[in-house]
Structure formats: structure tokens, C-alpha cells
């Protein structure tokens, strides 16, 4: 099916759009075929893209509890953060 058809069929009111699917293709997350200048995909490729999968942690590993608390404190007003 064409990308317009996929969006209309599966996400008529969002959250994904034609632009979202094109971005997924560019990132290698959505299987597709280019035929005569048009882009096509399958329900199976869309389902595979939508599966939950583990994403590796950023360099240095996940933030510690102390890092998270410091970040929250910087956002809250009256605790030395930007909020006031």
C-alpha cells in the first residue's frame, strides 16, 4: 500500500502522518519499496515498526537517581531552579 493509504487506513486522526512514515523510512525503521518514484509498504512492515523494542542507553549509561533528583530540583520553583 502507498504511504498515503497507510496513514488514512491506520491513523486517520493521528498520531502518525505521512511525514512520520517518511522519517521512519529514512531512519531505517520502516521496510518499504520504491517503485516508479512512489513509496510502498506493507501491513507487516508497519506492524514490525510499531513493536516495542529495547533501545540501548546513551553513552555513559542511564542517569543515576541522584542525577534525576538534581534535574527535577532544577525545574521546581523555590528549590534553586529556573522556576523561581
N, C-alpha and C. Protein backbone atom coordinates (compact mmCIF):
# COMPACT_ATOMS: atom_id res chain seq x y z
N UNK A 1 0.84 -1.17 0.00
CA UNK A 1 0.00 0.00 0.00
C UNK A 1 0.89 1.24 0.00
N UNK A 2 0.40 2.31 -0.56
CA UNK A 2 1.13 3.57 -0.55
C UNK A 2 1.11 4.19 0.85
N UNK A 3 2.03 5.09 1.10
CA UNK A 3 2.10 5.71 2.43
C UNK A 3 0.84 6.51 2.75
N UNK A 4 0.26 7.18 1.74
CA UNK A 4 -0.99 7.91 1.98
C UNK A 4 -2.09 6.96 2.44
N UNK A 5 -2.14 5.79 1.80
CA UNK A 5 -3.15 4.80 2.17
C UNK A 5 -2.91 4.28 3.58
N UNK A 6 -1.67 4.05 3.94
CA UNK A 6 -1.34 3.55 5.28
C UNK A 6 -1.79 4.54 6.35
N UNK A 7 -1.51 5.81 6.12
CA UNK A 7 -1.91 6.83 7.10
C UNK A 7 -3.43 6.91 7.19
N UNK A 8 -4.11 6.93 6.04
CA UNK A 8 -5.57 7.03 6.02
C UNK A 8 -6.24 5.82 6.66
N UNK A 9 -5.67 4.65 6.45
CA UNK A 9 -6.25 3.42 6.97
C UNK A 9 -5.98 3.22 8.45
N UNK A 10 -4.74 3.42 8.86
CA UNK A 10 -4.34 3.07 10.23
C UNK A 10 -4.34 4.24 11.21
N UNK A 11 -4.08 5.44 10.73
CA UNK A 11 -4.01 6.59 11.63
C UNK A 11 -4.77 7.78 11.04
N UNK A 12 -6.08 7.65 10.80
CA UNK A 12 -6.82 8.74 10.16
C UNK A 12 -6.84 10.04 10.97
N UNK A 13 -6.70 9.92 12.28
CA UNK A 13 -6.71 11.11 13.14
C UNK A 13 -5.39 11.30 13.88
N UNK A 14 -4.34 10.65 13.41
CA UNK A 14 -3.03 10.75 14.06
C UNK A 14 -2.79 9.53 14.91
N UNK A 15 -1.70 9.41 15.57
CA UNK A 15 -0.64 10.40 15.74
C UNK A 15 0.38 10.40 14.60
N UNK A 16 0.36 9.35 13.76
CA UNK A 16 1.35 9.30 12.68
C UNK A 16 0.82 9.95 11.42
N UNK A 17 1.73 10.56 10.68
CA UNK A 17 1.39 11.26 9.45
C UNK A 17 2.28 10.73 8.33
N UNK A 18 2.05 11.22 7.14
CA UNK A 18 2.90 10.87 6.01
C UNK A 18 4.35 11.23 6.31
N UNK A 19 4.56 12.38 6.90
CA UNK A 19 5.91 12.81 7.27
C UNK A 19 6.53 11.86 8.30
N UNK A 20 5.74 11.38 9.25
CA UNK A 20 6.23 10.43 10.25
C UNK A 20 6.72 9.15 9.59
N UNK A 21 5.97 8.65 8.62
CA UNK A 21 6.37 7.42 7.93
C UNK A 21 7.62 7.65 7.09
N UNK A 22 7.72 8.79 6.45
CA UNK A 22 8.93 9.10 5.67
C UNK A 22 10.15 9.18 6.58
N UNK A 23 9.98 9.74 7.76
CA UNK A 23 11.08 9.81 8.73
C UNK A 23 11.47 8.41 9.18
N UNK A 24 10.48 7.55 9.42
CA UNK A 24 10.76 6.16 9.82
C UNK A 24 11.54 5.43 8.73
N UNK A 25 11.21 5.69 7.47
CA UNK A 25 11.94 5.09 6.35
C UNK A 25 13.37 5.59 6.35
N UNK A 26 13.56 6.90 6.50
CA UNK A 26 14.90 7.49 6.49
C UNK A 26 15.76 6.95 7.63
N UNK A 27 15.14 6.64 8.77
CA UNK A 27 15.86 6.11 9.93
C UNK A 27 16.06 4.60 9.84
N UNK A 28 15.48 3.97 8.82
CA UNK A 28 15.61 2.53 8.68
C UNK A 28 14.65 1.73 9.53
N UNK A 29 13.61 2.38 10.06
CA UNK A 29 12.66 1.70 10.93
C UNK A 29 11.47 1.09 10.20
N UNK A 30 11.23 1.50 8.97
CA UNK A 30 10.07 1.01 8.22
C UNK A 30 10.53 0.41 6.90
N UNK A 31 10.20 -0.86 6.72
CA UNK A 31 10.50 -1.53 5.46
C UNK A 31 9.63 -0.95 4.35
N UNK A 32 10.20 -0.82 3.17
CA UNK A 32 9.46 -0.19 2.07
C UNK A 32 10.05 -0.60 0.72
N UNK A 33 9.33 -0.25 -0.32
CA UNK A 33 9.82 -0.44 -1.70
C UNK A 33 9.54 0.85 -2.46
N UNK A 34 10.49 1.22 -3.31
CA UNK A 34 10.29 2.38 -4.19
C UNK A 34 10.05 1.83 -5.59
N UNK A 35 8.88 2.12 -6.12
CA UNK A 35 8.50 1.65 -7.45
C UNK A 35 7.97 2.84 -8.23
N UNK A 36 8.62 3.12 -9.35
CA UNK A 36 8.22 4.21 -10.23
C UNK A 36 8.08 5.54 -9.49
N UNK A 37 9.01 5.78 -8.58
CA UNK A 37 9.02 7.04 -7.86
C UNK A 37 8.06 7.13 -6.69
N UNK A 38 7.31 6.07 -6.43
CA UNK A 38 6.38 6.06 -5.30
C UNK A 38 6.90 5.12 -4.24
N UNK A 39 6.50 5.35 -3.00
CA UNK A 39 6.94 4.53 -1.88
C UNK A 39 5.77 3.67 -1.41
N UNK A 40 6.04 2.37 -1.26
CA UNK A 40 5.03 1.43 -0.80
C UNK A 40 5.55 0.68 0.42
N UNK A 41 4.61 0.24 1.26
CA UNK A 41 4.95 -0.56 2.43
C UNK A 41 3.86 -1.60 2.62
N UNK A 42 4.01 -2.45 3.61
CA UNK A 42 3.02 -3.49 3.89
C UNK A 42 2.53 -3.36 5.32
N UNK A 43 1.41 -4.02 5.59
CA UNK A 43 0.91 -4.05 6.98
C UNK A 43 1.93 -4.71 7.90
N UNK A 44 2.59 -5.75 7.40
CA UNK A 44 3.59 -6.44 8.21
C UNK A 44 4.75 -5.50 8.55
N UNK A 45 5.19 -4.69 7.59
CA UNK A 45 6.28 -3.74 7.86
C UNK A 45 5.84 -2.68 8.86
N UNK A 46 4.59 -2.23 8.76
CA UNK A 46 4.07 -1.25 9.71
C UNK A 46 3.96 -1.85 11.11
N UNK A 47 3.53 -3.11 11.19
CA UNK A 47 3.43 -3.79 12.49
C UNK A 47 4.81 -3.96 13.10
N UNK A 48 5.79 -4.34 12.28
CA UNK A 48 7.16 -4.52 12.79
C UNK A 48 7.72 -3.20 13.30
N UNK A 49 7.43 -2.11 12.60
CA UNK A 49 7.90 -0.79 13.03
C UNK A 49 7.28 -0.41 14.38
N UNK A 50 6.04 -0.82 14.60
CA UNK A 50 5.31 -0.41 15.79
C UNK A 50 5.60 -1.26 17.02
N UNK A 51 6.36 -2.36 16.86
CA UNK A 51 6.65 -3.22 18.00
C UNK A 51 7.55 -2.50 19.00
N UNK A 52 7.29 -2.74 20.27
CA UNK A 52 8.16 -2.21 21.31
C UNK A 52 9.47 -2.97 21.27
N UNK A 53 10.56 -2.25 21.39
CA UNK A 53 11.87 -2.90 21.41
C UNK A 53 12.79 -2.10 22.31
N UNK A 54 13.73 -2.81 22.88
CA UNK A 54 14.68 -2.18 23.80
C UNK A 54 15.60 -1.25 23.01
N UNK A 55 15.77 -0.06 23.52
CA UNK A 55 16.69 0.90 22.93
C UNK A 55 17.87 1.03 23.88
N UNK A 56 19.06 0.94 23.34
CA UNK A 56 20.24 1.00 24.20
C UNK A 56 20.37 2.36 24.86
N UNK A 57 20.93 2.36 26.06
CA UNK A 57 21.10 3.58 26.84
C UNK A 57 22.14 4.48 26.19
N UNK A 58 22.01 5.78 26.41
CA UNK A 58 23.01 6.69 25.86
C UNK A 58 24.39 6.42 26.46
N UNK A 59 25.41 6.93 25.82
CA UNK A 59 26.80 6.76 26.28
C UNK A 59 26.90 7.10 27.76
N UNK A 60 27.55 6.26 28.52
CA UNK A 60 27.70 6.50 29.94
C UNK A 60 26.62 5.84 30.78
N UNK A 61 25.65 5.21 30.14
CA UNK A 61 24.60 4.51 30.87
C UNK A 61 23.48 5.43 31.30
N UNK A 62 22.46 4.85 31.91
CA UNK A 62 21.30 5.64 32.34
C UNK A 62 21.68 6.58 33.48
N UNK A 63 20.94 7.68 33.62
CA UNK A 63 21.24 8.60 34.72
C UNK A 63 20.96 7.95 36.07
N UNK A 64 21.72 8.34 37.05
CA UNK A 64 21.51 7.79 38.40
C UNK A 64 20.32 8.48 39.05
N UNK A 65 19.88 7.92 40.15
CA UNK A 65 18.78 8.51 40.91
C UNK A 65 19.14 9.93 41.35
N UNK A 66 20.37 10.15 41.78
CA UNK A 66 20.81 11.49 42.21
C UNK A 66 20.77 12.48 41.05
N UNK A 67 21.19 12.04 39.85
CA UNK A 67 21.13 12.91 38.67
C UNK A 67 19.70 13.31 38.38
N UNK A 68 18.80 12.33 38.47
CA UNK A 68 17.39 12.59 38.20
C UNK A 68 16.82 13.57 39.23
N UNK A 69 17.13 13.37 40.50
CA UNK A 69 16.65 14.27 41.55
C UNK A 69 17.19 15.69 41.34
N UNK A 70 18.44 15.82 40.97
CA UNK A 70 19.03 17.13 40.71
C UNK A 70 18.34 17.80 39.53
N UNK A 71 18.03 17.04 38.50
CA UNK A 71 17.33 17.60 37.34
C UNK A 71 15.95 18.09 37.74
N UNK A 72 15.20 17.28 38.49
CA UNK A 72 13.88 17.69 38.94
C UNK A 72 13.95 18.94 39.81
N UNK A 73 14.92 18.99 40.72
CA UNK A 73 15.07 20.15 41.61
C UNK A 73 15.35 21.41 40.80
N UNK A 74 16.08 21.29 39.70
CA UNK A 74 16.38 22.46 38.89
C UNK A 74 15.14 22.99 38.18
N UNK A 75 14.12 22.18 38.03
CA UNK A 75 12.90 22.60 37.34
C UNK A 75 11.84 23.14 38.29
N UNK A 76 11.93 22.78 39.56
CA UNK A 76 10.89 23.18 40.51
C UNK A 76 11.14 24.56 41.09
N UNK A 77 10.09 25.38 41.21
CA UNK A 77 10.27 26.71 41.80
C UNK A 77 10.62 26.62 43.28
N UNK A 78 11.42 27.57 43.74
CA UNK A 78 11.76 27.65 45.15
C UNK A 78 12.84 26.67 45.59
N UNK A 79 13.43 25.96 44.68
CA UNK A 79 14.48 24.99 45.05
C UNK A 79 15.77 25.28 44.30
N UNK A 80 15.95 26.54 43.97
CA UNK A 80 17.19 26.92 43.33
C UNK A 80 17.18 26.71 41.84
N UNK A 81 16.02 26.36 41.28
CA UNK A 81 15.95 26.09 39.86
C UNK A 81 15.50 27.31 39.09
N UNK A 82 15.24 27.09 37.83
CA UNK A 82 14.81 28.18 36.94
C UNK A 82 13.41 28.65 37.26
N UNK A 83 12.62 27.79 37.90
CA UNK A 83 11.21 28.10 38.12
C UNK A 83 10.95 29.23 39.08
N UNK A 84 11.93 29.76 39.76
CA UNK A 84 11.65 30.90 40.61
C UNK A 84 12.33 30.77 41.88
